[in-house]
Amino acid sequence: MNVSTSTLSLTVADVDASRAFLCTHLGYQVAMADDGFASLTREDAAVDIVLLRKGTEVLPAEQRDKAATGLILALTVTDLAAEEARLRAAGAPITMPLREEPWGERLFQMTDPNGVVVQLVEWAVPGPTAEGSEEAARG
């Protein structure tokens, strides 16, 4: 198998609101759009996103009335602090401020108008461990 592209399909109540959020704040561009549908892409390695309006007949009957919940769209970026500053200045809805997790993940989160959580991530460079420091001291 050769995967050429990855696409995340999200069912939302207001396609236009999520499209505007992703294009305005995250640099996505509309590849295709119609009533209740938008296909978004970027020129880099980010996942493509398809937005479908809740209730659309293209969805299987058991999924038509469900919306995207319980997931986080995570994008790994460079210079996370600069991205947070840029997005704050632009008035983006940052719902979790920049923080670093014990395992080395630095992140912050935004929430789009439909409740989709978007997390920007950068991996912190691990410092020397106590064991590594002791070995270096012994020479």
Protein backbone atom coordinates (compact mmCIF):
# COMPACT_ATOMS: atom_id res chain seq x y z
CA MET A 1 0.00 0.00 0.00
CA ASN A 2 1.20 3.50 -0.84
CA VAL A 3 -0.69 6.29 0.98
CA SER A 4 -0.45 9.48 -1.04
CA THR A 5 -2.54 11.77 1.18
CA SER A 6 -4.29 11.67 4.53
CA THR A 7 -7.70 13.27 4.93
CA LEU A 8 -9.77 13.81 8.04
CA SER A 9 -13.52 14.08 7.44
CA LEU A 10 -15.44 16.06 10.07
CA THR A 11 -19.21 16.30 10.38
CA VAL A 12 -20.19 19.74 11.68
CA ALA A 13 -23.34 21.83 11.96
CA ASP A 14 -21.88 24.87 10.20
CA VAL A 15 -19.43 24.02 7.42
CA ASP A 16 -18.82 27.69 6.57
CA ALA A 17 -17.80 28.54 10.15
CA SER A 18 -15.25 25.71 10.39
CA ARG A 19 -13.97 26.47 6.87
CA ALA A 20 -13.43 30.14 7.77
CA PHE A 21 -11.67 29.21 11.02
CA LEU A 22 -9.29 26.75 9.35
CA CYS A 23 -8.54 29.07 6.42
CA THR A 24 -8.15 32.23 8.52
CA HIS A 25 -6.12 30.86 11.41
CA LEU A 26 -4.35 27.78 10.04
CA GLY A 27 -3.67 28.63 6.41
CA TYR A 28 -5.91 26.02 4.82
CA GLN A 29 -7.19 26.67 1.30
CA VAL A 30 -10.44 25.54 -0.27
CA ALA A 31 -9.81 22.84 -2.87
CA MET A 32 -13.52 22.19 -3.53
CA ALA A 33 -16.76 23.39 -1.99
CA ASP A 34 -20.51 23.12 -2.42
CA ASP A 35 -23.53 23.55 -0.20
CA GLY A 36 -22.77 21.64 3.01
CA PHE A 37 -19.33 20.49 1.86
CA ALA A 38 -15.78 21.82 1.80
CA SER A 39 -12.51 20.12 1.00
CA LEU A 40 -9.51 21.95 2.50
CA THR A 41 -5.82 21.49 1.85
CA ARG A 42 -2.43 23.03 2.56
CA GLU A 43 0.76 22.98 0.50
CA ASP A 44 2.76 21.30 3.28
CA ALA A 45 2.39 17.91 4.95
CA ALA A 46 -0.70 18.81 6.99
CA VAL A 47 -3.66 16.47 6.79
CA ASP A 48 -6.36 17.51 4.31
CA ILE A 49 -9.75 18.17 5.86
CA VAL A 50 -13.22 17.50 4.49
CA LEU A 51 -16.11 19.25 6.22
CA LEU A 52 -19.58 17.77 5.83
CA ARG A 53 -22.76 19.33 7.14
CA LYS A 54 -24.53 17.26 9.76
CA GLY A 55 -27.52 15.48 8.23
CA THR A 56 -26.16 15.31 4.70
CA GLU A 57 -27.25 12.22 2.75
CA VAL A 58 -23.70 11.36 1.72
CA LEU A 59 -23.15 10.13 5.28
CA PRO A 60 -24.35 6.67 6.30
CA ALA A 61 -27.80 6.91 7.92
CA GLU A 62 -26.46 6.00 11.38
CA GLN A 63 -23.92 8.86 11.23
CA ARG A 64 -26.00 11.67 9.68
CA ASP A 65 -27.03 13.28 12.94
CA LYS A 66 -23.68 12.90 14.72
CA ALA A 67 -21.15 15.70 14.87
CA ALA A 68 -17.38 15.58 15.25
CA THR A 69 -16.78 15.16 18.99
CA GLY A 70 -14.21 13.52 21.18
CA LEU A 71 -11.32 14.05 18.82
CA ILE A 72 -8.44 16.45 18.61
CA LEU A 73 -7.00 17.60 15.30
CA ALA A 74 -3.30 17.78 16.22
CA LEU A 75 -0.80 19.49 13.94
CA THR A 76 2.92 19.38 14.69
CA VAL A 77 4.52 22.76 13.96
CA THR A 78 7.84 24.51 14.32
CA ASP A 79 8.22 27.55 16.60
CA LEU A 80 5.13 26.86 18.66
CA ALA A 81 5.53 29.99 20.82
CA ALA A 82 5.52 32.20 17.72
CA GLU A 83 2.39 30.45 16.43
CA GLU A 84 0.61 30.99 19.74
CA ALA A 85 1.59 34.68 19.73
CA ARG A 86 0.41 35.08 16.12
CA LEU A 87 -2.91 33.38 16.80
CA ARG A 88 -3.53 35.34 20.02
CA ALA A 89 -2.86 38.60 18.16
CA ALA A 90 -5.32 37.48 15.45
CA GLY A 91 -8.01 36.83 18.08
CA ALA A 92 -8.09 33.05 17.65
CA PRO A 93 -10.08 31.26 20.36
CA ILE A 94 -7.25 29.70 22.39
CA THR A 95 -8.95 27.40 24.87
CA MET A 96 -5.83 25.83 26.43
CA PRO A 97 -2.76 28.04 26.85
CA LEU A 98 0.73 26.93 25.92
CA ARG A 99 2.04 24.25 28.25
CA GLU A 100 4.58 21.45 28.36
CA GLU A 101 3.71 17.91 29.34
CA PRO A 102 6.14 15.76 31.39
CA TRP A 103 6.82 13.54 28.36
CA GLY A 104 8.17 16.49 26.34
CA GLU A 105 5.14 17.56 24.32
CA ARG A 106 4.59 21.33 24.16
CA LEU A 107 1.11 22.31 23.03
CA PHE A 108 -1.81 24.68 23.07
CA GLN A 109 -5.37 24.23 21.88
CA MET A 110 -8.01 26.24 20.06
CA THR A 111 -11.65 25.38 19.55
CA ASP A 112 -13.41 26.19 16.29
CA PRO A 113 -17.01 27.50 16.13
CA ASN A 114 -18.36 23.93 15.86
CA GLY A 115 -16.46 22.69 18.91
CA VAL A 116 -13.65 20.96 16.99
CA VAL A 117 -10.49 21.07 19.10
CA VAL A 118 -7.33 21.93 17.18
CA GLN A 119 -4.06 21.33 18.99
CA LEU A 120 -0.75 22.71 17.82
CA VAL A 121 2.19 20.65 19.06
CA GLU A 122 5.95 20.89 19.19
CA TRP A 123 8.22 18.31 20.79
CA ALA A 124 10.62 19.69 23.39
CA VAL A 125 14.23 18.65 23.03
CA PRO A 126 14.98 16.40 25.99
CA GLY A 127 17.77 17.54 28.29
CA PRO A 128 20.45 15.21 29.60
CA THR A 129 19.19 12.61 32.02
CA ALA A 130 20.62 12.32 35.52
CA GLU A 131 22.30 9.07 34.43
CA GLY A 132 23.81 10.75 31.34
CA SER A 133 25.06 13.66 33.47
CA GLU A 134 26.75 11.29 35.92
CA GLU A 135 28.50 9.46 33.07
CA ALA A 136 29.69 12.76 31.58
CA ALA A 137 31.01 13.86 34.99
CA ARG A 138 32.98 10.62 35.37
CA GLY A 139 34.48 11.21 31.92
